[in-house]
Amino acid sequence: MRRSRQADLPFDNGYSTTEVVIEAFDHFITHKSPDTFAIVVMGNASIQRSALFQRKRREWLNQRVYVITLPFYSPELNLIEILSRRVKQE
């Protein structure tokens, strides 16, 4: 993902599965400098709790990518929840 928050991904199928998220991470890693340490903060969706994702997460650590998942329900930490609350109030 670039600083403009636009992803340069080779796919866009409109829905997410564990495999799609893993493919996105693998794509990110191939374009990341090996010397760069990356921290990715994610929600707590079921696809991120799958056994396959957890195995890949350990593999990504070796490639200097650390995945942090938010607590199960933490709207104060989730930017989309904050935006959604503001939109509903207006």
PDB file of N, CA and C in Angstrom:
ATOM      1  N   MET A   1       0.850  -1.163   0.000  1.00  0.00           N
ATOM      2  CA  MET A   1       0.000   0.000   0.000  1.00  0.00           C
ATOM      3  C   MET A   1       0.900   1.231   0.000  1.00  0.00           C
ATOM      4  N   ARG A   2       0.574   2.170  -0.812  1.00  0.00           N
ATOM      5  CA  ARG A   2       1.330   3.415  -0.868  1.00  0.00           C
ATOM      6  C   ARG A   2       0.826   4.375   0.207  1.00  0.00           C
ATOM      7  N   ARG A   3       1.564   5.431   0.414  1.00  0.00           N
ATOM      8  CA  ARG A   3       1.149   6.423   1.414  1.00  0.00           C
ATOM      9  C   ARG A   3      -0.204   7.027   1.085  1.00  0.00           C
ATOM     10  N   SER A   4      -0.577   7.022  -0.188  1.00  0.00           N
ATOM     11  CA  SER A   4      -1.883   7.547  -0.573  1.00  0.00           C
ATOM     12  C   SER A   4      -3.004   6.592  -0.187  1.00  0.00           C
ATOM     13  N   ARG A   5      -2.648   5.468   0.425  1.00  0.00           N
ATOM     14  CA  ARG A   5      -3.580   4.444   0.895  1.00  0.00           C
ATOM     15  C   ARG A   5      -4.280   3.719  -0.252  1.00  0.00           C
ATOM     16  N   GLN A   6      -3.639   3.702  -1.408  1.00  0.00           N
ATOM     17  CA  GLN A   6      -4.165   2.949  -2.542  1.00  0.00           C
ATOM     18  C   GLN A   6      -3.319   1.701  -2.714  1.00  0.00           C
ATOM     19  N   ALA A   7      -3.956   0.570  -2.772  1.00  0.00           N
ATOM     20  CA  ALA A   7      -3.235  -0.685  -2.910  1.00  0.00           C
ATOM     21  C   ALA A   7      -2.863  -0.935  -4.360  1.00  0.00           C
ATOM     22  N   ASP A   8      -1.675  -1.474  -4.562  1.00  0.00           N
ATOM     23  CA  ASP A   8      -1.224  -1.895  -5.889  1.00  0.00           C
ATOM     24  C   ASP A   8      -1.321  -3.422  -5.929  1.00  0.00           C
ATOM     25  N   LEU A   9      -2.515  -3.932  -5.993  1.00  0.00           N
ATOM     26  CA  LEU A   9      -2.707  -5.369  -5.943  1.00  0.00           C
ATOM     27  C   LEU A   9      -3.138  -5.894  -7.303  1.00  0.00           C
ATOM     28  N   PRO A  10      -2.698  -7.106  -7.637  1.00  0.00           N
ATOM     29  CA  PRO A  10      -3.003  -7.661  -8.954  1.00  0.00           C
ATOM     30  C   PRO A  10      -4.389  -8.275  -9.066  1.00  0.00           C
ATOM     31  N   PHE A  11      -5.243  -8.057  -8.086  1.00  0.00           N
ATOM     32  CA  PHE A  11      -6.563  -8.666  -8.105  1.00  0.00           C
ATOM     33  C   PHE A  11      -7.564  -7.733  -7.452  1.00  0.00           C
ATOM     34  N   ASP A  12      -8.796  -7.885  -7.808  1.00  0.00           N
ATOM     35  CA  ASP A  12      -9.884  -7.127  -7.184  1.00  0.00           C
ATOM     36  C   ASP A  12     -11.169  -7.873  -7.493  1.00  0.00           C
ATOM     37  N   ASN A  13     -11.494  -8.840  -6.653  1.00  0.00           N
ATOM     38  CA  ASN A  13     -12.673  -9.649  -6.912  1.00  0.00           C
ATOM     39  C   ASN A  13     -13.884  -9.216  -6.094  1.00  0.00           C
ATOM     40  N   GLY A  14     -13.739  -8.175  -5.285  1.00  0.00           N
ATOM     41  CA  GLY A  14     -14.872  -7.641  -4.567  1.00  0.00           C
ATOM     42  C   GLY A  14     -15.195  -8.323  -3.246  1.00  0.00           C
ATOM     43  N   TYR A  15     -14.518  -9.394  -2.886  1.00  0.00           N
ATOM     44  CA  TYR A  15     -14.770 -10.035  -1.608  1.00  0.00           C
ATOM     45  C   TYR A  15     -13.470 -10.594  -1.056  1.00  0.00           C
ATOM     46  N   SER A  16     -13.448 -10.836   0.232  1.00  0.00           N
ATOM     47  CA  SER A  16     -12.229 -11.302   0.880  1.00  0.00           C
ATOM     48  C   SER A  16     -12.405 -12.708   1.412  1.00  0.00           C
ATOM     49  N   THR A  17     -11.384 -13.495   1.214  1.00  0.00           N
ATOM     50  CA  THR A  17     -11.265 -14.809   1.825  1.00  0.00           C
ATOM     51  C   THR A  17      -9.875 -14.867   2.445  1.00  0.00           C
ATOM     52  N   THR A  18      -9.618 -15.888   3.224  1.00  0.00           N
ATOM     53  CA  THR A  18      -8.278 -16.045   3.795  1.00  0.00           C
ATOM     54  C   THR A  18      -7.236 -16.049   2.684  1.00  0.00           C
ATOM     55  N   GLU A  19      -7.528 -16.754   1.612  1.00  0.00           N
ATOM     56  CA  GLU A  19      -6.575 -16.864   0.511  1.00  0.00           C
ATOM     57  C   GLU A  19      -6.310 -15.508  -0.147  1.00  0.00           C
ATOM     58  N   VAL A  20      -7.352 -14.693  -0.307  1.00  0.00           N
ATOM     59  CA  VAL A  20      -7.194 -13.364  -0.909  1.00  0.00           C
ATOM     60  C   VAL A  20      -6.325 -12.481  -0.016  1.00  0.00           C
ATOM     61  N   VAL A  21      -6.563 -12.511   1.296  1.00  0.00           N
ATOM     62  CA  VAL A  21      -5.776 -11.701   2.222  1.00  0.00           C
ATOM     63  C   VAL A  21      -4.324 -12.166   2.235  1.00  0.00           C
ATOM     64  N   ILE A  22      -4.112 -13.472   2.229  1.00  0.00           N
ATOM     65  CA  ILE A  22      -2.752 -14.015   2.193  1.00  0.00           C
ATOM     66  C   ILE A  22      -2.053 -13.602   0.898  1.00  0.00           C
ATOM     67  N   GLU A  23      -2.759 -13.659  -0.211  1.00  0.00           N
ATOM     68  CA  GLU A  23      -2.181 -13.234  -1.487  1.00  0.00           C
ATOM     69  C   GLU A  23      -1.781 -11.762  -1.434  1.00  0.00           C
ATOM     70  N   ALA A  24      -2.609 -10.935  -0.804  1.00  0.00           N
ATOM     71  CA  ALA A  24      -2.294  -9.511  -0.678  1.00  0.00           C
ATOM     72  C   ALA A  24      -1.035  -9.302   0.168  1.00  0.00           C
ATOM     73  N   PHE A  25      -0.931 -10.036   1.271  1.00  0.00           N
ATOM     74  CA  PHE A  25       0.268  -9.938   2.108  1.00  0.00           C
ATOM     75  C   PHE A  25       1.503 -10.403   1.345  1.00  0.00           C
ATOM     76  N   ASP A  26       1.389 -11.527   0.672  1.00  0.00           N
ATOM     77  CA  ASP A  26       2.534 -12.042  -0.084  1.00  0.00           C
ATOM     78  C   ASP A  26       2.957 -11.059  -1.165  1.00  0.00           C
ATOM     79  N   HIS A  27       1.988 -10.426  -1.815  1.00  0.00           N
ATOM     80  CA  HIS A  27       2.292  -9.411  -2.828  1.00  0.00           C
ATOM     81  C   HIS A  27       3.013  -8.232  -2.179  1.00  0.00           C
ATOM     82  N   PHE A  28       2.521  -7.789  -1.034  1.00  0.00           N
ATOM     83  CA  PHE A  28       3.144  -6.692  -0.297  1.00  0.00           C
ATOM     84  C   PHE A  28       4.593  -7.029   0.049  1.00  0.00           C
ATOM     85  N   ILE A  29       4.816  -8.235   0.534  1.00  0.00           N
ATOM     86  CA  ILE A  29       6.154  -8.645   0.966  1.00  0.00           C
ATOM     87  C   ILE A  29       7.128  -8.677  -0.205  1.00  0.00           C
ATOM     88  N   THR A  30       6.662  -9.103  -1.381  1.00  0.00           N
ATOM     89  CA  THR A  30       7.568  -9.155  -2.531  1.00  0.00           C
ATOM     90  C   THR A  30       7.978  -7.758  -2.983  1.00  0.00           C
ATOM     91  N   HIS A  31       7.190  -6.738  -2.643  1.00  0.00           N
ATOM     92  CA  HIS A  31       7.512  -5.371  -3.049  1.00  0.00           C
ATOM     93  C   HIS A  31       8.124  -4.541  -1.920  1.00  0.00           C
ATOM     94  N   LYS A  32       8.240  -5.120  -0.747  1.00  0.00           N
ATOM     95  CA  LYS A  32       8.802  -4.439   0.421  1.00  0.00           C
ATOM     96  C   LYS A  32      10.303  -4.655   0.439  1.00  0.00           C
ATOM     97  N   SER A  33      11.046  -3.632   0.808  1.00  0.00           N
ATOM     98  CA  SER A  33      12.491  -3.776   0.966  1.00  0.00           C
ATOM     99  C   SER A  33      12.765  -4.794   2.069  1.00  0.00           C
ATOM    100  N   PRO A  34      13.697  -5.709   1.864  1.00  0.00           N
ATOM    101  CA  PRO A  34      13.992  -6.719   2.898  1.00  0.00           C
ATOM    102  C   PRO A  34      14.459  -6.102   4.212  1.00  0.00           C
ATOM    103  N   ASP A  35      14.994  -4.892   4.171  1.00  0.00           N
ATOM    104  CA  ASP A  35      15.475  -4.226   5.380  1.00  0.00           C
ATOM    105  C   ASP A  35      14.373  -3.505   6.135  1.00  0.00           C
ATOM    106  N   THR A  36      13.209  -3.361   5.518  1.00  0.00           N
ATOM    107  CA  THR A  36      12.108  -2.620   6.122  1.00  0.00           C
ATOM    108  C   THR A  36      11.304  -3.521   7.043  1.00  0.00           C
ATOM    109  N   PHE A  37      11.007  -3.010   8.226  1.00  0.00           N
ATOM    110  CA  PHE A  37      10.134  -3.697   9.174  1.00  0.00           C
ATOM    111  C   PHE A  37       8.753  -3.094   9.029  1.00  0.00           C
ATOM    112  N   ALA A  38       7.736  -3.908   8.835  1.00  0.00           N
ATOM    113  CA  ALA A  38       6.375  -3.412   8.638  1.00  0.00           C
ATOM    114  C   ALA A  38       5.467  -3.917   9.755  1.00  0.00           C
ATOM    115  N   ILE A  39       4.615  -3.028  10.220  1.00  0.00           N
ATOM    116  CA  ILE A  39       3.592  -3.387  11.199  1.00  0.00           C
ATOM    117  C   ILE A  39       2.247  -3.161  10.530  1.00  0.00           C
ATOM    118  N   VAL A  40       1.414  -4.202  10.500  1.00  0.00           N
ATOM    119  CA  VAL A  40       0.097  -4.128   9.880  1.00  0.00           C
ATOM    120  C   VAL A  40      -0.941  -4.338  10.980  1.00  0.00           C
ATOM    121  N   VAL A  41      -1.848  -3.373  11.129  1.00  0.00           N
ATOM    122  CA  VAL A  41      -2.916  -3.463  12.131  1.00  0.00           C
ATOM    123  C   VAL A  41      -4.185  -3.871  11.407  1.00  0.00           C
ATOM    124  N   MET A  42      -4.799  -4.952  11.870  1.00  0.00           N
ATOM    125  CA  MET A  42      -5.993  -5.484  11.222  1.00  0.00           C
ATOM    126  C   MET A  42      -7.118  -5.629  12.231  1.00  0.00           C
ATOM    127  N   GLY A  43      -8.315  -5.712  11.715  1.00  0.00           N
ATOM    128  CA  GLY A  43      -9.476  -6.008  12.547  1.00  0.00           C
ATOM    129  C   GLY A  43      -9.412  -7.449  13.017  1.00  0.00           C
ATOM    130  N   ASN A  44     -10.504  -7.963  13.470  1.00  0.00           N
ATOM    131  CA  ASN A  44     -10.520  -9.312  14.025  1.00  0.00           C
ATOM    132  C   ASN A  44     -11.509 -10.191  13.260  1.00  0.00           C
ATOM    133  N   ALA A  45     -11.469 -10.126  11.947  1.00  0.00           N
ATOM    134  CA  ALA A  45     -12.369 -10.922  11.117  1.00  0.00           C
ATOM    135  C   ALA A  45     -11.996 -12.404  11.201  1.00  0.00           C
ATOM    136  N   SER A  46     -12.950 -13.259  10.925  1.00  0.00           N
ATOM    137  CA  SER A  46     -12.714 -14.701  11.025  1.00  0.00           C
ATOM    138  C   SER A  46     -11.616 -15.174  10.074  1.00  0.00           C
ATOM    139  N   ILE A  47     -11.475 -14.533   8.919  1.00  0.00           N
ATOM    140  CA  ILE A  47     -10.424 -14.957   7.982  1.00  0.00           C
ATOM    141  C   ILE A  47      -9.035 -14.715   8.558  1.00  0.00           C
ATOM    142  N   GLN A  48      -8.917 -13.768   9.485  1.00  0.00           N
ATOM    143  CA  GLN A  48      -7.621 -13.488  10.098  1.00  0.00           C
ATOM    144  C   GLN A  48      -7.348 -14.374  11.301  1.00  0.00           C
ATOM    145  N   ARG A  49      -8.342 -15.143  11.705  1.00  0.00           N
ATOM    146  CA  ARG A  49      -8.164 -16.071  12.823  1.00  0.00           C
ATOM    147  C   ARG A  49      -8.021 -17.508  12.351  1.00  0.00           C
ATOM    148  N   SER A  50      -8.086 -17.729  11.038  1.00  0.00           N
ATOM    149  CA  SER A  50      -8.013 -19.092  10.510  1.00  0.00           C
ATOM    150  C   SER A  50      -6.631 -19.699  10.762  1.00  0.00           C
ATOM    151  N   ALA A  51      -6.573 -21.009  10.796  1.00  0.00           N
ATOM    152  CA  ALA A  51      -5.303 -21.704  11.014  1.00  0.00           C
ATOM    153  C   ALA A  51      -4.302 -21.385   9.908  1.00  0.00           C
ATOM    154  N   LEU A  52      -4.775 -21.317   8.674  1.00  0.00           N
ATOM    155  CA  LEU A  52      -3.898 -20.997   7.550  1.00  0.00           C
ATOM    156  C   LEU A  52      -3.295 -19.603   7.714  1.00  0.00           C
ATOM    157  N   PHE A  53      -4.110 -18.625   8.068  1.00  0.00           N
ATOM    158  CA  PHE A  53      -3.618 -17.260   8.254  1.00  0.00           C
ATOM    159  C   PHE A  53      -2.615 -17.211   9.397  1.00  0.00           C
ATOM    160  N   GLN A  54      -2.872 -17.919  10.483  1.00  0.00           N
ATOM    161  CA  GLN A  54      -1.956 -17.916  11.628  1.00  0.00           C
ATOM    162  C   GLN A  54      -0.603 -18.534  11.259  1.00  0.00           C
ATOM    163  N   ARG A  55      -0.607 -19.583  10.438  1.00  0.00           N
ATOM    164  CA  ARG A  55       0.666 -20.170   9.978  1.00  0.00           C
ATOM    165  C   ARG A  55       1.438 -19.171   9.130  1.00  0.00           C
ATOM    166  N   LYS A  56       0.731 -18.506   8.219  1.00  0.00           N
ATOM    167  CA  LYS A  56       1.383 -17.518   7.363  1.00  0.00           C
ATOM    168  C   LYS A  56       1.893 -16.341   8.197  1.00  0.00           C
ATOM    169  N   ARG A  57       1.177 -15.984   9.224  1.00  0.00           N
ATOM    170  CA  ARG A  57       1.572 -14.881  10.100  1.00  0.00           C
ATOM    171  C   ARG A  57       2.938 -15.141  10.720  1.00  0.00           C
ATOM    172  N   ARG A  58       3.173 -16.377  11.145  1.00  0.00           N
ATOM    173  CA  ARG A  58       4.480 -16.750  11.698  1.00  0.00           C
ATOM    174  C   ARG A  58       5.558 -16.677  10.616  1.00  0.00           C
ATOM    175  N   GLU A  59       5.217 -17.073   9.401  1.00  0.00           N
ATOM    176  CA  GLU A  59       6.150 -16.998   8.275  1.00  0.00           C
ATOM    177  C   GLU A  59       6.495 -15.536   7.959  1.00  0.00           C
ATOM    178  N   TRP A  60       5.498 -14.673   7.994  1.00  0.00           N
ATOM    179  CA  TRP A  60       5.712 -13.262   7.685  1.00  0.00           C
ATOM    180  C   TRP A  60       6.630 -12.594   8.705  1.00  0.00           C
ATOM    181  N   LEU A  61       6.594 -13.060   9.952  1.00  0.00           N
ATOM    182  CA  LEU A  61       7.497 -12.506  10.959  1.00  0.00           C
ATOM    183  C   LEU A  61       8.952 -12.649  10.511  1.00  0.00           C
ATOM    184  N   ASN A  62       9.277 -13.775   9.885  1.00  0.00           N
ATOM    185  CA  ASN A  62      10.637 -13.998   9.387  1.00  0.00           C
ATOM    186  C   ASN A  62      10.995 -13.036   8.266  1.00  0.00           C
ATOM    187  N   GLN A  63       9.969 -12.443   7.656  1.00  0.00           N
ATOM    188  CA  GLN A  63      10.188 -11.480   6.578  1.00  0.00           C
ATOM    189  C   GLN A  63       9.974 -10.045   7.064  1.00  0.00           C
ATOM    190  N   ARG A  64      10.005  -9.888   8.396  1.00  0.00           N
ATOM    191  CA  ARG A  64       9.931  -8.569   9.037  1.00  0.00           C
ATOM    192  C   ARG A  64       8.581  -7.885   8.846  1.00  0.00           C
ATOM    193  N   VAL A  65       7.517  -8.680   8.840  1.00  0.00           N
ATOM    194  CA  VAL A  65       6.156  -8.139   8.788  1.00  0.00           C
ATOM    195  C   VAL A  65       5.423  -8.643  10.031  1.00  0.00           C
ATOM    196  N   TYR A  66       5.013  -7.707  10.868  1.00  0.00           N
ATOM    197  CA  TYR A  66       4.350  -8.030  12.119  1.00  0.00           C
ATOM    198  C   TYR A  66       2.882  -7.636  12.007  1.00  0.00           C
ATOM    199  N   VAL A  67       1.996  -8.605  12.213  1.00  0.00           N
ATOM    200  CA  VAL A  67       0.555  -8.372  12.106  1.00  0.00           C
ATOM    201  C   VAL A  67      -0.032  -8.262  13.509  1.00  0.00           C
ATOM    202  N   ILE A  68      -0.684  -7.135  13.762  1.00  0.00           N
ATOM    203  CA  ILE A  68      -1.363  -6.906  15.037  1.00  0.00           C
ATOM    204  C   ILE A  68      -2.861  -6.939  14.758  1.00  0.00           C
ATOM    205  N   THR A  69      -3.583  -7.697  15.547  1.00  0.00           N
ATOM    206  CA  THR A  69      -5.040  -7.693  15.405  1.00  0.00           C
ATOM    207  C   THR A  69      -5.640  -6.914  16.564  1.00  0.00           C
ATOM    208  N   LEU A  70      -6.649  -6.127  16.246  1.00  0.00           N
ATOM    209  CA  LEU A  70      -7.346  -5.364  17.272  1.00  0.00           C
ATOM    210  C   LEU A  70      -8.113  -6.312  18.181  1.00  0.00           C
ATOM    211  N   PRO A  71      -8.375  -5.898  19.415  1.00  0.00           N
ATOM    212  CA  PRO A  71      -9.233  -6.709  20.276  1.00  0.00           C
ATOM    213  C   PRO A  71     -10.577  -6.958  19.595  1.00  0.00           C
ATOM    214  N   PHE A  72     -11.272  -8.016  20.019  1.00  0.00           N
ATOM    215  CA  PHE A  72     -12.486  -8.455  19.332  1.00  0.00           C
ATOM    216  C   PHE A  72     -13.437  -7.308  19.011  1.00  0.00           C
ATOM    217  N   TYR A  73     -13.828  -6.525  19.996  1.00  0.00           N
ATOM    218  CA  TYR A  73     -14.697  -5.383  19.708  1.00  0.00           C
ATOM    219  C   TYR A  73     -14.052  -4.161  20.325  1.00  0.00           C
ATOM    220  N   SER A  74     -13.482  -3.326  19.493  1.00  0.00           N
ATOM    221  CA  SER A  74     -12.798  -2.132  19.978  1.00  0.00           C
ATOM    222  C   SER A  74     -13.070  -0.971  19.032  1.00  0.00           C
ATOM    223  N   PRO A  75     -14.298  -0.463  19.022  1.00  0.00           N
ATOM    224  CA  PRO A  75     -14.636   0.608  18.077  1.00  0.00           C
ATOM    225  C   PRO A  75     -13.776   1.858  18.255  1.00  0.00           C
ATOM    226  N   GLU A  76     -13.253   2.081  19.458  1.00  0.00           N
ATOM    227  CA  GLU A  76     -12.426   3.271  19.672  1.00  0.00           C
ATOM    228  C   GLU A  76     -11.064   3.153  18.987  1.00  0.00           C
ATOM    229  N   LEU A  77     -10.674   1.937  18.592  1.00  0.00           N
ATOM    230  CA  LEU A  77      -9.407   1.730  17.899  1.00  0.00           C
ATOM    231  C   LEU A  77      -9.581   1.538  16.394  1.00  0.00           C
ATOM    232  N   ASN A  78     -10.801   1.307  15.960  1.00  0.00           N
ATOM    233  CA  ASN A  78     -11.073   1.013  14.559  1.00  0.00           C
ATOM    234  C   ASN A  78     -11.539   2.285  13.852  1.00  0.00           C
ATOM    235  N   LEU A  79     -10.708   2.793  12.946  1.00  0.00           N
ATOM    236  CA  LEU A  79     -11.000   4.070  12.293  1.00  0.00           C
ATOM    237  C   LEU A  79     -12.326   4.070  11.542  1.00  0.00           C
ATOM    238  N   ILE A  80     -12.702   2.951  10.928  1.00  0.00           N
ATOM    239  CA  ILE A  80     -13.963   2.917  10.190  1.00  0.00           C
ATOM    240  C   ILE A  80     -15.152   3.038  11.143  1.00  0.00           C
ATOM    241  N   GLU A  81     -15.010   2.510  12.353  1.00  0.00           N
ATOM    242  CA  GLU A  81     -16.074   2.649  13.354  1.00  0.00           C
ATOM    243  C   GLU A  81     -16.229   4.114  13.770  1.00  0.00           C
ATOM    244  N   ILE A  82     -15.116   4.805  13.937  1.00  0.00           N
ATOM    245  CA  ILE A  82     -15.159   6.224  14.308  1.00  0.00           C
ATOM    246  C   ILE A  82     -15.816   7.023  13.194  1.00  0.00           C
ATOM    247  N   LEU A  83     -15.425   6.772  11.951  1.00  0.00           N
ATOM    248  CA  LEU A  83     -16.018   7.471  10.808  1.00  0.00           C
ATOM    249  C   LEU A  83     -17.516   7.174  10.714  1.00  0.00           C
ATOM    250  N   SER A  84     -17.877   5.920  10.866  1.00  0.00           N
ATOM    251  CA  SER A  84     -19.277   5.522  10.785  1.00  0.00           C
ATOM    252  C   SER A  84     -20.109   6.234  11.852  1.00  0.00           C
ATOM    253  N   ARG A  85     -19.589   6.330  13.052  1.00  0.00           N
ATOM    254  CA  ARG A  85     -20.293   7.007  14.141  1.00  0.00           C
ATOM    255  C   ARG A  85     -20.501   8.489  13.811  1.00  0.00           C
ATOM    256  N   ARG A  86     -19.464   9.123  13.249  1.00  0.00           N
ATOM    257  CA  ARG A  86     -19.583  10.546  12.878  1.00  0.00           C
ATOM    258  C   ARG A  86     -20.602  10.759  11.787  1.00  0.00           C
ATOM    259  N   VAL A  87     -20.617   9.876  10.791  1.00  0.00           N
ATOM    260  CA  VAL A  87     -21.569   9.995   9.682  1.00  0.00           C
ATOM    261  C   VAL A  87     -22.995   9.839  10.204  1.00  0.00           C
ATOM    262  N   LYS A  88     -23.214   8.908  11.111  1.00  0.00           N
ATOM    263  CA  LYS A  88     -24.549   8.699  11.663  1.00  0.00           C
ATOM    264  C   LYS A  88     -25.016   9.892  12.488  1.00  0.00           C
ATOM    265  N   GLN A  89     -24.076  10.565  13.150  1.00  0.00           N
ATOM    266  CA  GLN A  89     -24.431  11.723  13.978  1.00  0.00           C
ATOM    267  C   GLN A  89     -24.797  12.940  13.143  1.00  0.00           C
ATOM    268  N   GLU A  90     -24.260  13.027  11.933  1.00  0.00           N
ATOM    269  CA  GLU A  90     -24.498  14.222  11.092  1.00  0.00           C
ATOM    270  C   GLU A  90     -25.754  14.130  10.323  1.00  0.00           C
TER     271      GLU A  90
END
